[in-house]
Amino acid sequence: MWTAKLKLYHKDCPIVNRAVKFGVSVISYPRSHYSRTGKKYATTVCKFVGYDQDRKNKFLEDLKRDPSISRLDISGDVFVYEYDLGKEGEHVMLYFDPEMVFVKPTVNSPDGHEYWEVACWSKDKITKFIEELSKHMDKSEVLGIGQVTNVEVYFPSVMPRLSPMQEKALMLAYQWGYYDYPRKIDLRELAKRANISLATFQENLRKAENKMMPMLIERIVKPEEKK
């Protein structure tokens, strides 16, 4: 199977421009595109990455005011929106080949770019997609393209559900280098950044790690080793 990693920017994207404006990261899965009453629409599922609730709220309030957003449904850090493309609207999914798959969710970064990773059995189809997509982007860069024997696909539906405090603890620990070697920060400093007691932070982090650990072990243990 062939995979390609892309770095994109188009100025009319309702998500990545707000990621820059409010300093947040958003992962997204473009879901579908369709026509209704003579107009084109596209639907996307998104999730915030991070813990600054004030920035998330400002992002969503600003998104609600966008006249191109025809529908918006919010559930915690996850939101789904329908984008009104009008009669001549542009959207990346209009050029996406049905034989391709998203290996990972799209990353809408505060640096102003979208990062895509897609896969397909056919190199020609990926190449054609990149060529067509680049015509409609303000910026388009291929970070890598190649053939692989094992494609690791991200499945959000099987990820363990963390509480907001557990997710915040895990994200803080990761972002500030708690899992680096050597460690760049200790638990006491992380608790200060979370503005909670050391004991509470440690409990939240441990519970988050315990929920994540079975999934991580499952990925590295061979079937015969489980017996």
Protein backbone atom coordinates (compact mmCIF):
# COMPACT_ATOMS: atom_id res chain seq x y z
CA MET A 1 0.00 0.00 0.00
CA TRP A 2 1.12 3.58 -0.73
CA THR A 3 1.00 6.38 1.82
CA ALA A 4 1.47 10.13 1.49
CA LYS A 5 1.98 12.86 4.07
CA LEU A 6 0.86 16.35 3.07
CA LYS A 7 1.20 19.86 4.48
CA LEU A 8 -1.59 22.11 3.21
CA TYR A 9 -3.04 25.56 3.56
CA HIS A 10 -6.15 27.12 2.06
CA LYS A 11 -7.25 30.51 3.31
CA ASP A 12 -10.96 29.69 3.36
CA CYS A 13 -10.64 26.78 5.83
CA PRO A 14 -12.96 27.51 8.80
CA ILE A 15 -10.92 25.37 11.21
CA VAL A 16 -7.21 25.93 10.65
CA ASN A 17 -7.57 29.72 10.51
CA ARG A 18 -9.30 29.66 13.89
CA ALA A 19 -6.63 27.28 15.19
CA VAL A 20 -4.16 30.08 14.47
CA LYS A 21 -6.42 32.83 15.81
CA PHE A 22 -7.10 31.13 19.14
CA GLY A 23 -3.90 29.10 19.53
CA VAL A 24 -5.49 25.65 19.64
CA SER A 25 -4.91 22.36 17.84
CA VAL A 26 -7.82 20.49 16.27
CA ILE A 27 -7.84 17.03 14.72
CA SER A 28 -10.53 16.34 12.16
CA TYR A 29 -12.03 13.68 9.91
CA PRO A 30 -13.65 14.98 6.72
CA ARG A 31 -16.70 12.73 6.48
CA SER A 32 -18.73 13.44 3.35
CA HIS A 33 -19.78 15.93 0.70
CA TYR A 34 -23.17 16.20 -0.96
CA SER A 35 -25.63 18.51 -2.69
CA ARG A 36 -28.88 19.91 -1.33
CA THR A 37 -31.21 22.46 -2.93
CA GLY A 38 -28.63 23.33 -5.56
CA LYS A 39 -25.76 23.90 -3.12
CA LYS A 40 -22.72 21.83 -2.16
CA TYR A 41 -22.08 20.89 1.47
CA ALA A 42 -19.32 19.08 3.36
CA THR A 43 -19.45 17.56 6.84
CA THR A 44 -16.45 17.18 9.15
CA VAL A 45 -15.98 15.68 12.62
CA CYS A 46 -13.47 17.52 14.83
CA LYS A 47 -11.88 17.19 18.26
CA PHE A 48 -9.84 19.68 20.24
CA VAL A 49 -6.35 18.64 21.36
CA GLY A 50 -5.31 20.44 24.53
CA TYR A 51 -6.74 21.64 27.80
CA ASP A 52 -7.32 25.42 27.57
CA GLN A 53 -11.12 25.55 27.87
CA ASP A 54 -11.28 29.33 27.46
CA ARG A 55 -9.62 29.15 24.05
CA LYS A 56 -11.87 26.30 22.99
CA ASN A 57 -14.97 28.26 23.97
CA LYS A 58 -13.81 31.34 22.05
CA PHE A 59 -13.04 29.16 19.03
CA LEU A 60 -16.54 27.67 19.04
CA GLU A 61 -18.30 30.99 19.62
CA ASP A 62 -16.43 32.43 16.65
CA LEU A 63 -17.25 29.37 14.55
CA LYS A 64 -20.96 29.77 15.34
CA ARG A 65 -20.87 33.26 13.82
CA ASP A 66 -19.42 32.00 10.52
CA PRO A 67 -22.21 32.35 7.91
CA SER A 68 -20.76 29.40 5.96
CA ILE A 69 -21.38 27.03 8.88
CA SER A 70 -24.89 25.78 8.21
CA ARG A 71 -25.02 23.24 11.04
CA LEU A 72 -22.97 22.76 14.20
CA ASP A 73 -23.27 20.13 16.92
CA ILE A 74 -21.02 20.27 20.00
CA SER A 75 -20.38 17.55 22.59
CA GLY A 76 -17.52 18.38 24.95
CA ASP A 77 -14.29 18.54 22.97
CA VAL A 78 -15.92 16.99 19.91
CA PHE A 79 -17.89 18.97 17.36
CA VAL A 80 -19.41 18.24 13.97
CA TYR A 81 -20.06 20.95 11.43
CA GLU A 82 -21.66 21.24 8.03
CA TYR A 83 -19.96 23.68 5.67
CA ASP A 84 -22.01 25.50 3.04
CA LEU A 85 -19.87 25.56 -0.10
CA GLY A 86 -22.43 27.39 -2.19
CA LYS A 87 -22.79 26.53 -5.87
CA GLU A 88 -19.10 26.84 -6.72
CA GLY A 89 -17.56 26.02 -3.33
CA GLU A 90 -14.16 24.40 -2.89
CA HIS A 91 -13.38 21.59 -0.47
CA VAL A 92 -10.62 19.00 -0.25
CA MET A 93 -13.11 16.14 -0.16
CA LEU A 94 -14.27 17.04 -3.66
CA TYR A 95 -10.94 15.65 -4.94
CA PHE A 96 -10.62 12.73 -2.52
CA ASP A 97 -10.69 9.35 -4.27
CA PRO A 98 -13.10 6.84 -2.66
CA GLU A 99 -10.39 4.16 -2.81
CA MET A 100 -8.18 6.21 -0.47
CA VAL A 101 -8.31 6.13 3.33
CA PHE A 102 -7.21 8.46 6.09
CA VAL A 103 -4.39 6.80 8.02
CA LYS A 104 -4.64 9.41 10.76
CA PRO A 105 -6.96 12.31 11.46
CA THR A 106 -6.11 15.61 9.82
CA VAL A 107 -4.17 17.91 12.16
CA ASN A 108 -5.23 21.58 12.04
CA SER A 109 -2.23 23.25 13.63
CA PRO A 110 -1.76 26.70 15.19
CA ASP A 111 1.14 27.08 12.74
CA GLY A 112 -1.51 27.67 10.04
CA HIS A 113 -1.29 24.34 8.20
CA GLU A 114 -3.25 21.14 7.84
CA TYR A 115 -1.31 17.89 8.04
CA TRP A 116 -2.78 14.95 6.14
CA GLU A 117 -1.73 11.30 5.95
CA VAL A 118 -3.58 9.15 3.43
CA ALA A 119 -3.13 5.67 1.96
CA CYS A 120 -4.20 3.81 -1.17
CA TRP A 121 -3.39 0.60 -3.02
CA SER A 122 -2.57 2.64 -6.12
CA LYS A 123 0.31 5.11 -6.32
CA ASP A 124 -1.30 6.64 -9.41
CA LYS A 125 -4.46 7.49 -7.50
CA ILE A 126 -2.53 9.16 -4.68
CA THR A 127 -0.40 11.07 -7.18
CA LYS A 128 -3.49 12.21 -9.09
CA PHE A 129 -5.16 13.29 -5.85
CA ILE A 130 -2.12 15.35 -4.82
CA GLU A 131 -1.89 16.99 -8.24
CA GLU A 132 -5.59 17.91 -8.31
CA LEU A 133 -5.62 19.04 -4.69
CA SER A 134 -2.55 21.25 -5.14
CA LYS A 135 -4.34 23.24 -7.84
CA HIS A 136 -6.90 24.37 -5.29
CA MET A 137 -4.60 25.01 -2.32
CA ASP A 138 -2.86 28.27 -1.48
CA LYS A 139 0.08 26.16 -0.29
CA SER A 140 0.76 22.47 -0.82
CA GLU A 141 3.82 20.45 0.19
CA VAL A 142 4.42 16.71 -0.01
CA LEU A 143 6.26 15.73 3.16
CA GLY A 144 6.66 12.13 2.06
CA ILE A 145 5.28 9.45 -0.21
CA GLY A 146 6.21 5.79 -0.32
CA GLN A 147 5.15 2.17 -0.25
CA VAL A 148 4.79 0.33 3.05
CA THR A 149 3.94 -3.25 3.97
CA ASN A 150 2.15 -2.44 7.24
CA VAL A 151 -0.14 0.59 7.51
CA GLU A 152 -0.92 1.68 11.07
CA VAL A 153 -4.38 3.22 11.04
CA TYR A 154 -5.67 5.37 13.89
CA PHE A 155 -9.05 4.18 15.23
CA PRO A 156 -10.57 6.86 17.51
CA SER A 157 -13.60 4.70 18.37
CA VAL A 158 -11.50 2.17 20.29
CA MET A 159 -9.56 4.72 22.30
CA PRO A 160 -10.31 4.58 26.04
CA ARG A 161 -12.58 7.30 27.38
CA LEU A 162 -10.79 9.64 29.77
CA SER A 163 -12.41 12.16 32.09
CA PRO A 164 -11.60 15.84 31.37
CA MET A 165 -9.20 15.94 34.34
CA GLN A 166 -7.48 12.71 33.29
CA GLU A 167 -7.09 13.93 29.73
CA LYS A 168 -5.72 17.26 30.94
CA ALA A 169 -3.17 15.52 33.19
CA LEU A 170 -2.03 13.23 30.39
CA MET A 171 -1.75 16.07 27.87
CA LEU A 172 0.21 18.26 30.31
CA ALA A 173 2.59 15.41 31.12
CA TYR A 174 3.20 14.74 27.45
CA GLN A 175 3.52 18.37 26.35
CA TRP A 176 5.97 19.36 29.10
CA GLY A 177 8.28 16.36 28.69
CA TYR A 178 7.34 14.17 31.64
CA TYR A 179 7.72 11.09 29.41
CA ASP A 180 10.99 12.26 27.84
CA TYR A 181 14.32 10.75 28.85
CA PRO A 182 15.66 12.37 30.88
CA ARG A 183 12.43 13.87 32.23
CA LYS A 184 12.07 17.61 31.70
CA ILE A 185 9.52 18.15 34.46
CA ASP A 186 8.35 16.44 37.64
CA LEU A 187 4.86 15.76 38.99
CA ARG A 188 4.96 18.62 41.48
CA GLU A 189 5.60 21.19 38.73
CA LEU A 190 2.91 19.63 36.55
CA ALA A 191 0.42 19.89 39.42
CA LYS A 192 1.24 23.60 39.73
CA ARG A 193 0.61 24.10 36.02
CA ALA A 194 -2.71 22.27 36.37
CA ASN A 195 -3.51 24.42 39.43
CA ILE A 196 -4.44 21.41 41.57
CA SER A 197 -2.80 19.52 44.43
CA LEU A 198 0.01 17.08 43.79
CA ALA A 199 -2.07 14.16 45.10
CA THR A 200 -5.03 15.00 42.82
CA PHE A 201 -2.83 15.44 39.75
CA GLN A 202 -0.99 12.19 40.46
CA GLU A 203 -4.31 10.34 40.84
CA ASN A 204 -5.66 11.73 37.54
CA LEU A 205 -2.48 10.89 35.66
CA ARG A 206 -2.28 7.38 37.07
CA LYS A 207 -5.91 6.65 36.15
CA ALA A 208 -5.31 7.97 32.62
CA GLU A 209 -2.18 5.83 32.26
CA ASN A 210 -4.03 2.75 33.52
CA LYS A 211 -6.74 3.26 30.91
CA MET A 212 -4.21 3.74 28.12
CA MET A 213 -1.84 0.94 29.10
CA PRO A 214 -3.92 -2.07 27.91
CA MET A 215 -4.15 -0.53 24.43
CA LEU A 216 -0.40 0.11 24.33
CA ILE A 217 0.43 -3.41 25.53
CA GLU A 218 -1.95 -4.87 22.95
CA ARG A 219 0.07 -3.19 20.21
CA ILE A 220 3.42 -4.64 21.25
CA VAL A 221 2.59 -8.12 22.57
CA LYS A 222 2.56 -10.87 19.96
CA PRO A 223 -0.47 -13.23 19.92
CA GLU A 224 1.57 -16.22 21.11
CA GLU A 225 2.88 -14.16 24.04
CA LYS A 226 -0.66 -13.61 25.36
CA LYS A 227 -1.26 -17.30 25.98
